[in-house]
Amino acid sequence: MSQFARFLSMLVLVLAAPTAQAQNKVPSDHVLEALVKSSLLSLNDANVTGDYSVLHAKLSKPFREQFSPDRLKETFREFAGKHVDYDIIAAYAPVYSKPAAVDDEGKLLVEGYFPTTPNRLKFKLDFIPSDGEWKLIGIKVDIDSP
């Protein structure tokens, strides 16, 4: 192996290490908010349009393998049937019910709501490291009165 190739492989390892380590701890507030909003807005778009392919592409590999876009559509049929468009959450910061945490299995657990009125969007999201980033492995949403 040439000296350049050895250097390049060491550089790749050094650059990859922070990414792997970062996925063993809770992301920064800004990254966490982006994860929450992008996940929930993708679900909102899927519910509004009936096209779950974009949401499906954003899921973790195990989640994608278990739930096809058609199965996601069926799973969220009742929620989508309420005809709720909650894209307004893009203008709000999420309120966390408890601090986000990484559990013993390496899942990032995030739970809270958006302080919208007259109803608020409650969420429970689970993420795992997949494809080099945090991706959804579980999602639960509900609309309720504050």
N, C-alpha and C. Protein backbone atom coordinates (compact mmCIF):
# COMPACT_ATOMS: atom_id res chain seq x y z
N MET A 1 0.85 -1.17 0.00
CA MET A 1 0.00 0.00 0.00
C MET A 1 0.90 1.23 0.00
N SER A 2 0.61 2.16 -0.87
CA SER A 2 1.42 3.37 -0.95
C SER A 2 1.22 4.23 0.29
N GLN A 3 2.15 5.13 0.50
CA GLN A 3 2.08 6.01 1.66
C GLN A 3 0.84 6.91 1.55
N PHE A 4 0.51 7.35 0.35
CA PHE A 4 -0.66 8.19 0.15
C PHE A 4 -1.95 7.43 0.48
N ALA A 5 -2.03 6.17 0.01
CA ALA A 5 -3.22 5.35 0.27
C ALA A 5 -3.38 5.10 1.77
N ARG A 6 -2.28 4.86 2.46
CA ARG A 6 -2.32 4.65 3.90
C ARG A 6 -2.80 5.92 4.61
N PHE A 7 -2.28 7.08 4.17
CA PHE A 7 -2.69 8.35 4.74
C PHE A 7 -4.19 8.58 4.51
N LEU A 8 -4.63 8.29 3.28
CA LEU A 8 -6.03 8.49 2.93
C LEU A 8 -6.94 7.60 3.78
N SER A 9 -6.56 6.34 3.98
CA SER A 9 -7.41 5.46 4.79
C SER A 9 -7.41 5.90 6.25
N MET A 10 -6.29 6.42 6.75
CA MET A 10 -6.26 6.92 8.13
C MET A 10 -7.13 8.16 8.25
N LEU A 11 -7.09 9.02 7.24
CA LEU A 11 -7.91 10.23 7.24
C LEU A 11 -9.39 9.87 7.26
N VAL A 12 -9.79 8.88 6.49
CA VAL A 12 -11.18 8.45 6.46
C VAL A 12 -11.59 7.95 7.84
N LEU A 13 -10.73 7.16 8.49
CA LEU A 13 -11.04 6.67 9.83
C LEU A 13 -11.18 7.81 10.83
N VAL A 14 -10.29 8.78 10.76
CA VAL A 14 -10.34 9.92 11.67
C VAL A 14 -11.61 10.73 11.45
N LEU A 15 -11.99 10.94 10.20
CA LEU A 15 -13.19 11.71 9.90
C LEU A 15 -14.47 10.95 10.25
N ALA A 16 -14.44 9.64 10.13
CA ALA A 16 -15.63 8.83 10.42
C ALA A 16 -15.84 8.67 11.92
N ALA A 17 -14.79 8.72 12.69
CA ALA A 17 -14.90 8.50 14.14
C ALA A 17 -15.86 9.48 14.82
N PRO A 18 -15.77 10.79 14.56
CA PRO A 18 -16.71 11.70 15.22
C PRO A 18 -18.16 11.41 14.86
N THR A 19 -18.41 10.99 13.62
CA THR A 19 -19.78 10.68 13.21
C THR A 19 -20.30 9.50 14.01
N ALA A 20 -19.49 8.44 14.15
CA ALA A 20 -19.92 7.28 14.91
C ALA A 20 -20.11 7.63 16.37
N GLN A 21 -19.20 8.41 16.94
CA GLN A 21 -19.32 8.79 18.33
C GLN A 21 -20.52 9.71 18.54
N ALA A 22 -20.76 10.59 17.61
CA ALA A 22 -21.87 11.53 17.73
C ALA A 22 -23.19 10.79 17.81
N GLN A 23 -23.26 9.62 17.22
CA GLN A 23 -24.51 8.88 17.24
C GLN A 23 -24.66 8.04 18.51
N ASN A 24 -23.73 8.15 19.42
CA ASN A 24 -23.86 7.51 20.72
C ASN A 24 -24.28 8.50 21.79
N LYS A 25 -24.49 9.75 21.39
CA LYS A 25 -24.93 10.77 22.34
C LYS A 25 -26.03 11.61 21.70
N VAL A 26 -26.74 12.32 22.55
CA VAL A 26 -27.83 13.17 22.08
C VAL A 26 -27.26 14.30 21.23
N PRO A 27 -27.84 14.54 20.05
CA PRO A 27 -27.35 15.63 19.20
C PRO A 27 -27.57 16.99 19.86
N SER A 28 -26.92 17.99 19.29
CA SER A 28 -27.10 19.37 19.78
C SER A 28 -28.57 19.77 19.64
N ASP A 29 -28.95 20.84 20.32
CA ASP A 29 -30.34 21.31 20.27
C ASP A 29 -30.80 21.60 18.85
N HIS A 30 -29.93 22.22 18.05
CA HIS A 30 -30.30 22.57 16.67
C HIS A 30 -30.50 21.32 15.82
N VAL A 31 -29.60 20.36 15.96
CA VAL A 31 -29.71 19.12 15.18
C VAL A 31 -30.94 18.34 15.63
N LEU A 32 -31.18 18.28 16.93
CA LEU A 32 -32.35 17.58 17.45
C LEU A 32 -33.65 18.20 16.91
N GLU A 33 -33.72 19.52 16.93
CA GLU A 33 -34.91 20.20 16.41
C GLU A 33 -35.09 19.90 14.92
N ALA A 34 -34.00 19.90 14.17
CA ALA A 34 -34.07 19.59 12.74
C ALA A 34 -34.55 18.15 12.51
N LEU A 35 -34.07 17.21 13.31
CA LEU A 35 -34.51 15.82 13.19
C LEU A 35 -36.01 15.70 13.45
N VAL A 36 -36.46 16.34 14.51
CA VAL A 36 -37.88 16.28 14.88
C VAL A 36 -38.73 16.90 13.79
N LYS A 37 -38.40 18.11 13.39
CA LYS A 37 -39.21 18.81 12.39
C LYS A 37 -39.20 18.10 11.04
N SER A 38 -38.03 17.68 10.58
CA SER A 38 -37.99 17.03 9.26
C SER A 38 -38.78 15.73 9.27
N SER A 39 -38.72 14.99 10.37
CA SER A 39 -39.48 13.74 10.46
C SER A 39 -40.98 14.01 10.44
N LEU A 40 -41.41 14.95 11.27
CA LEU A 40 -42.84 15.23 11.37
C LEU A 40 -43.39 15.93 10.14
N LEU A 41 -42.60 16.80 9.53
CA LEU A 41 -43.07 17.46 8.31
C LEU A 41 -43.12 16.49 7.13
N SER A 42 -42.22 15.50 7.12
CA SER A 42 -42.28 14.46 6.08
C SER A 42 -43.56 13.63 6.24
N LEU A 43 -43.89 13.31 7.49
CA LEU A 43 -45.14 12.58 7.74
C LEU A 43 -46.34 13.45 7.35
N ASN A 44 -46.30 14.73 7.69
CA ASN A 44 -47.39 15.63 7.32
C ASN A 44 -47.57 15.66 5.80
N ASP A 45 -46.49 15.82 5.07
CA ASP A 45 -46.57 15.85 3.61
C ASP A 45 -47.16 14.54 3.07
N ALA A 46 -46.73 13.42 3.65
CA ALA A 46 -47.24 12.12 3.22
C ALA A 46 -48.75 12.02 3.48
N ASN A 47 -49.17 12.47 4.66
CA ASN A 47 -50.59 12.41 4.99
C ASN A 47 -51.43 13.33 4.10
N VAL A 48 -50.91 14.50 3.79
CA VAL A 48 -51.64 15.47 2.98
C VAL A 48 -51.73 15.02 1.52
N THR A 49 -50.63 14.49 0.99
CA THR A 49 -50.59 14.12 -0.43
C THR A 49 -50.99 12.67 -0.70
N GLY A 50 -50.88 11.83 0.32
CA GLY A 50 -51.13 10.40 0.12
C GLY A 50 -49.94 9.66 -0.46
N ASP A 51 -48.82 10.35 -0.63
CA ASP A 51 -47.59 9.75 -1.17
C ASP A 51 -46.60 9.57 -0.03
N TYR A 52 -46.38 8.34 0.36
CA TYR A 52 -45.51 8.03 1.49
C TYR A 52 -44.10 7.64 1.08
N SER A 53 -43.76 7.80 -0.19
CA SER A 53 -42.44 7.38 -0.67
C SER A 53 -41.30 8.23 -0.10
N VAL A 54 -41.50 9.53 0.06
CA VAL A 54 -40.44 10.39 0.62
C VAL A 54 -40.23 10.06 2.09
N LEU A 55 -41.31 9.92 2.84
CA LEU A 55 -41.19 9.52 4.24
C LEU A 55 -40.47 8.18 4.33
N HIS A 56 -40.85 7.25 3.49
CA HIS A 56 -40.24 5.92 3.48
C HIS A 56 -38.73 6.01 3.26
N ALA A 57 -38.31 6.86 2.36
CA ALA A 57 -36.88 7.01 2.05
C ALA A 57 -36.10 7.58 3.23
N LYS A 58 -36.76 8.30 4.12
CA LYS A 58 -36.08 8.92 5.27
C LYS A 58 -36.01 8.00 6.49
N LEU A 59 -36.63 6.84 6.41
CA LEU A 59 -36.65 5.93 7.55
C LEU A 59 -35.34 5.15 7.65
N SER A 60 -35.09 4.60 8.83
CA SER A 60 -33.92 3.73 9.01
C SER A 60 -34.12 2.47 8.16
N LYS A 61 -33.03 1.82 7.84
CA LYS A 61 -33.11 0.63 6.99
C LYS A 61 -34.05 -0.44 7.57
N PRO A 62 -33.95 -0.76 8.88
CA PRO A 62 -34.89 -1.77 9.40
C PRO A 62 -36.35 -1.35 9.29
N PHE A 63 -36.62 -0.07 9.49
CA PHE A 63 -37.98 0.45 9.38
C PHE A 63 -38.45 0.36 7.93
N ARG A 64 -37.58 0.76 6.98
CA ARG A 64 -37.93 0.69 5.55
C ARG A 64 -38.23 -0.75 5.14
N GLU A 65 -37.44 -1.70 5.67
CA GLU A 65 -37.65 -3.10 5.29
C GLU A 65 -38.96 -3.64 5.84
N GLN A 66 -39.39 -3.14 6.98
CA GLN A 66 -40.61 -3.62 7.60
C GLN A 66 -41.86 -2.93 7.05
N PHE A 67 -41.73 -1.65 6.67
CA PHE A 67 -42.89 -0.88 6.24
C PHE A 67 -42.67 -0.32 4.84
N SER A 68 -43.40 -0.84 3.87
CA SER A 68 -43.38 -0.29 2.51
C SER A 68 -44.16 1.02 2.54
N PRO A 69 -44.03 1.85 1.49
CA PRO A 69 -44.85 3.07 1.43
C PRO A 69 -46.35 2.77 1.55
N ASP A 70 -46.80 1.68 0.93
CA ASP A 70 -48.23 1.33 1.03
C ASP A 70 -48.62 0.94 2.45
N ARG A 71 -47.73 0.24 3.14
CA ARG A 71 -48.03 -0.15 4.52
C ARG A 71 -48.02 1.08 5.44
N LEU A 72 -47.12 2.04 5.18
CA LEU A 72 -47.13 3.29 5.94
C LEU A 72 -48.46 4.01 5.74
N LYS A 73 -48.91 4.05 4.50
CA LYS A 73 -50.18 4.72 4.19
C LYS A 73 -51.33 4.08 4.97
N GLU A 74 -51.33 2.76 5.02
CA GLU A 74 -52.38 2.05 5.77
C GLU A 74 -52.24 2.30 7.27
N THR A 75 -51.01 2.32 7.77
CA THR A 75 -50.77 2.54 9.20
C THR A 75 -51.26 3.91 9.64
N PHE A 76 -51.04 4.92 8.82
CA PHE A 76 -51.43 6.29 9.18
C PHE A 76 -52.78 6.69 8.59
N ARG A 77 -53.53 5.74 8.05
CA ARG A 77 -54.82 6.02 7.41
C ARG A 77 -55.78 6.78 8.33
N GLU A 78 -55.92 6.31 9.56
CA GLU A 78 -56.85 6.96 10.49
C GLU A 78 -56.40 8.39 10.82
N PHE A 79 -55.11 8.56 11.08
CA PHE A 79 -54.58 9.89 11.38
C PHE A 79 -54.73 10.81 10.18
N ALA A 80 -54.37 10.32 8.99
CA ALA A 80 -54.49 11.12 7.77
C ALA A 80 -55.95 11.45 7.48
N GLY A 81 -56.86 10.55 7.87
CA GLY A 81 -58.28 10.76 7.65
C GLY A 81 -58.84 11.94 8.42
N LYS A 82 -58.11 12.42 9.42
CA LYS A 82 -58.55 13.59 10.19
C LYS A 82 -58.32 14.88 9.40
N HIS A 83 -57.60 14.77 8.28
CA HIS A 83 -57.31 15.90 7.40
C HIS A 83 -56.68 17.07 8.15
N VAL A 84 -55.71 16.73 8.97
CA VAL A 84 -54.97 17.74 9.74
C VAL A 84 -53.69 18.06 8.99
N ASP A 85 -53.50 19.33 8.71
CA ASP A 85 -52.25 19.79 8.08
C ASP A 85 -51.52 20.61 9.14
N TYR A 86 -50.45 20.05 9.66
CA TYR A 86 -49.74 20.71 10.76
C TYR A 86 -48.38 21.27 10.34
N ASP A 87 -48.29 21.73 9.10
CA ASP A 87 -47.01 22.30 8.66
C ASP A 87 -46.62 23.57 9.40
N ILE A 88 -47.53 24.13 10.19
CA ILE A 88 -47.26 25.31 11.00
C ILE A 88 -46.14 25.04 12.02
N ILE A 89 -45.88 23.77 12.33
CA ILE A 89 -44.84 23.47 13.32
C ILE A 89 -43.47 23.96 12.88
N ALA A 90 -43.31 24.21 11.60
CA ALA A 90 -42.03 24.72 11.11
C ALA A 90 -41.68 26.05 11.77
N ALA A 91 -42.70 26.78 12.22
CA ALA A 91 -42.48 28.10 12.84
C ALA A 91 -42.31 28.03 14.35
N TYR A 92 -42.44 26.85 14.93
CA TYR A 92 -42.37 26.69 16.38
C TYR A 92 -41.18 25.81 16.78
N ALA A 93 -40.69 26.04 17.97
CA ALA A 93 -39.69 25.14 18.56
C ALA A 93 -40.43 24.05 19.31
N PRO A 94 -39.95 22.81 19.23
CA PRO A 94 -40.61 21.75 19.98
C PRO A 94 -40.39 21.93 21.48
N VAL A 95 -41.36 21.47 22.26
CA VAL A 95 -41.25 21.44 23.72
C VAL A 95 -41.09 19.97 24.08
N TYR A 96 -40.01 19.64 24.75
CA TYR A 96 -39.74 18.25 25.08
C TYR A 96 -40.34 17.90 26.43
N SER A 97 -41.05 16.77 26.49
CA SER A 97 -41.67 16.31 27.73
C SER A 97 -40.63 15.87 28.75
N LYS A 98 -39.54 15.38 28.24
CA LYS A 98 -38.39 15.00 29.05
C LYS A 98 -37.17 15.14 28.17
N PRO A 99 -35.99 15.25 28.75
CA PRO A 99 -34.81 15.42 27.92
C PRO A 99 -34.62 14.24 26.95
N ALA A 100 -34.23 14.55 25.74
CA ALA A 100 -33.91 13.48 24.78
C ALA A 100 -32.78 12.66 25.35
N ALA A 101 -32.80 11.36 25.07
CA ALA A 101 -31.78 10.47 25.62
C ALA A 101 -31.49 9.34 24.66
N VAL A 102 -30.29 8.79 24.79
CA VAL A 102 -29.91 7.59 24.05
C VAL A 102 -30.00 6.44 25.05
N ASP A 103 -30.82 5.43 24.73
CA ASP A 103 -31.01 4.32 25.65
C ASP A 103 -29.89 3.29 25.53
N ASP A 104 -30.00 2.21 26.30
CA ASP A 104 -28.97 1.17 26.32
C ASP A 104 -28.82 0.45 24.98
N GLU A 105 -29.85 0.50 24.16
CA GLU A 105 -29.80 -0.14 22.84
C GLU A 105 -29.26 0.80 21.77
N GLY A 106 -28.94 2.04 22.15
CA GLY A 106 -28.42 3.00 21.19
C GLY A 106 -29.48 3.79 20.45
N LYS A 107 -30.75 3.69 20.89
CA LYS A 107 -31.82 4.46 20.26
C LYS A 107 -31.90 5.85 20.88
N LEU A 108 -32.07 6.84 20.04
CA LEU A 108 -32.31 8.20 20.47
C LEU A 108 -33.81 8.35 20.66
N LEU A 109 -34.23 8.67 21.89
CA LEU A 109 -35.64 8.77 22.24
C LEU A 109 -36.01 10.23 22.44
N VAL A 110 -37.01 10.70 21.72
CA VAL A 110 -37.42 12.10 21.76
C VAL A 110 -38.94 12.15 21.89
N GLU A 111 -39.41 12.91 22.89
CA GLU A 111 -40.85 12.97 23.15
C GLU A 111 -41.23 14.40 23.51
N GLY A 112 -42.36 14.87 22.98
CA GLY A 112 -42.79 16.22 23.31
C GLY A 112 -43.99 16.64 22.49
N TYR A 113 -44.08 17.96 22.28
CA TYR A 113 -45.19 18.53 21.52
C TYR A 113 -44.78 19.89 20.96
N PHE A 114 -45.62 20.39 20.06
CA PHE A 114 -45.46 21.73 19.53
C PHE A 114 -46.59 22.58 20.12
N PRO A 115 -46.28 23.76 20.67
CA PRO A 115 -47.27 24.58 21.36
C PRO A 115 -48.16 25.39 20.41
N THR A 116 -48.81 24.70 19.53
CA THR A 116 -49.71 25.35 18.58
C THR A 116 -51.11 25.44 19.19
N THR A 117 -51.92 26.34 18.67
CA THR A 117 -53.29 26.46 19.16
C THR A 117 -54.25 26.40 17.97
N PRO A 118 -55.44 25.94 18.09
CA PRO A 118 -56.07 25.52 19.33
C PRO A 118 -55.65 24.12 19.78
N ASN A 119 -55.09 23.34 18.89
CA ASN A 119 -54.62 22.00 19.23
C ASN A 119 -53.10 21.94 19.10
N ARG A 120 -52.51 20.97 19.75
CA ARG A 120 -51.07 20.81 19.62
C ARG A 120 -50.74 19.41 19.12
N LEU A 121 -49.62 19.34 18.44
CA LEU A 121 -49.14 18.08 17.91
C LEU A 121 -48.20 17.45 18.93
N LYS A 122 -48.58 16.29 19.43
CA LYS A 122 -47.73 15.54 20.35
C LYS A 122 -46.96 14.50 19.53
N PHE A 123 -45.73 14.21 19.95
CA PHE A 123 -44.93 13.24 19.21
C PHE A 123 -44.06 12.41 20.14
N LYS A 124 -43.78 11.22 19.67
CA LYS A 124 -42.80 10.34 20.29
C LYS A 124 -42.02 9.74 19.14
N LEU A 125 -40.74 10.05 19.07
CA LEU A 125 -39.90 9.62 17.96
C LEU A 125 -38.71 8.83 18.49
N ASP A 126 -38.40 7.73 17.82
CA ASP A 126 -37.22 6.93 18.13
C ASP A 126 -36.34 6.90 16.88
N PHE A 127 -35.05 7.15 17.08
CA PHE A 127 -34.09 7.15 15.98
C PHE A 127 -32.98 6.16 16.28
N ILE A 128 -32.40 5.60 15.22
CA ILE A 128 -31.21 4.77 15.36
C ILE A 128 -30.18 5.25 14.34
N PRO A 129 -28.91 4.97 14.60
CA PRO A 129 -27.92 5.27 13.56
C PRO A 129 -28.17 4.34 12.36
N SER A 130 -28.35 4.92 11.20
CA SER A 130 -28.60 4.15 9.98
C SER A 130 -28.10 4.97 8.80
N ASP A 131 -27.35 4.34 7.94
CA ASP A 131 -26.80 5.02 6.77
C ASP A 131 -25.97 6.24 7.18
N GLY A 132 -25.30 6.16 8.35
CA GLY A 132 -24.39 7.22 8.78
C GLY A 132 -25.04 8.41 9.47
N GLU A 133 -26.34 8.32 9.78
CA GLU A 133 -27.02 9.43 10.46
C GLU A 133 -28.17 8.89 11.28
N TRP A 134 -28.75 9.75 12.13
CA TRP A 134 -29.93 9.35 12.90
C TRP A 134 -31.11 9.25 11.95
N LYS A 135 -31.80 8.10 11.97
CA LYS A 135 -33.00 7.92 11.15
C LYS A 135 -34.09 7.26 11.97
N LEU A 136 -35.32 7.53 11.60
CA LEU A 136 -36.47 7.02 12.34
C LEU A 136 -36.55 5.51 12.38
N ILE A 137 -36.85 4.99 13.57
CA ILE A 137 -37.16 3.58 13.75
C ILE A 137 -38.56 3.45 14.35
N GLY A 138 -39.08 4.56 14.92
CA GLY A 138 -40.41 4.55 15.50
C GLY A 138 -41.00 5.94 15.51
N ILE A 139 -42.31 6.05 15.25
CA ILE A 139 -42.97 7.35 15.23
C ILE A 139 -44.40 7.20 15.73
N LYS A 140 -44.76 8.09 16.65
CA LYS A 140 -46.13 8.13 17.14
C LYS A 140 -46.52 9.61 17.23
N VAL A 141 -47.66 9.96 16.67
CA VAL A 141 -48.14 11.34 16.70
C VAL A 141 -49.59 11.36 17.12
N ASP A 142 -49.99 12.50 17.70
CA ASP A 142 -51.37 12.69 18.11
C ASP A 142 -51.66 14.17 18.16
N ILE A 143 -52.89 14.53 17.96
CA ILE A 143 -53.34 15.91 18.07
C ILE A 143 -54.25 15.98 19.30
N ASP A 144 -53.97 16.94 20.19
CA ASP A 144 -54.84 17.09 21.36
C ASP A 144 -54.94 18.54 21.77
N SER A 145 -55.83 18.79 22.72
CA SER A 145 -56.00 20.14 23.25
C SER A 145 -54.99 20.35 24.38
N PRO A 146 -54.44 21.56 24.48
CA PRO A 146 -53.47 21.82 25.55
C PRO A 146 -54.11 21.77 26.93
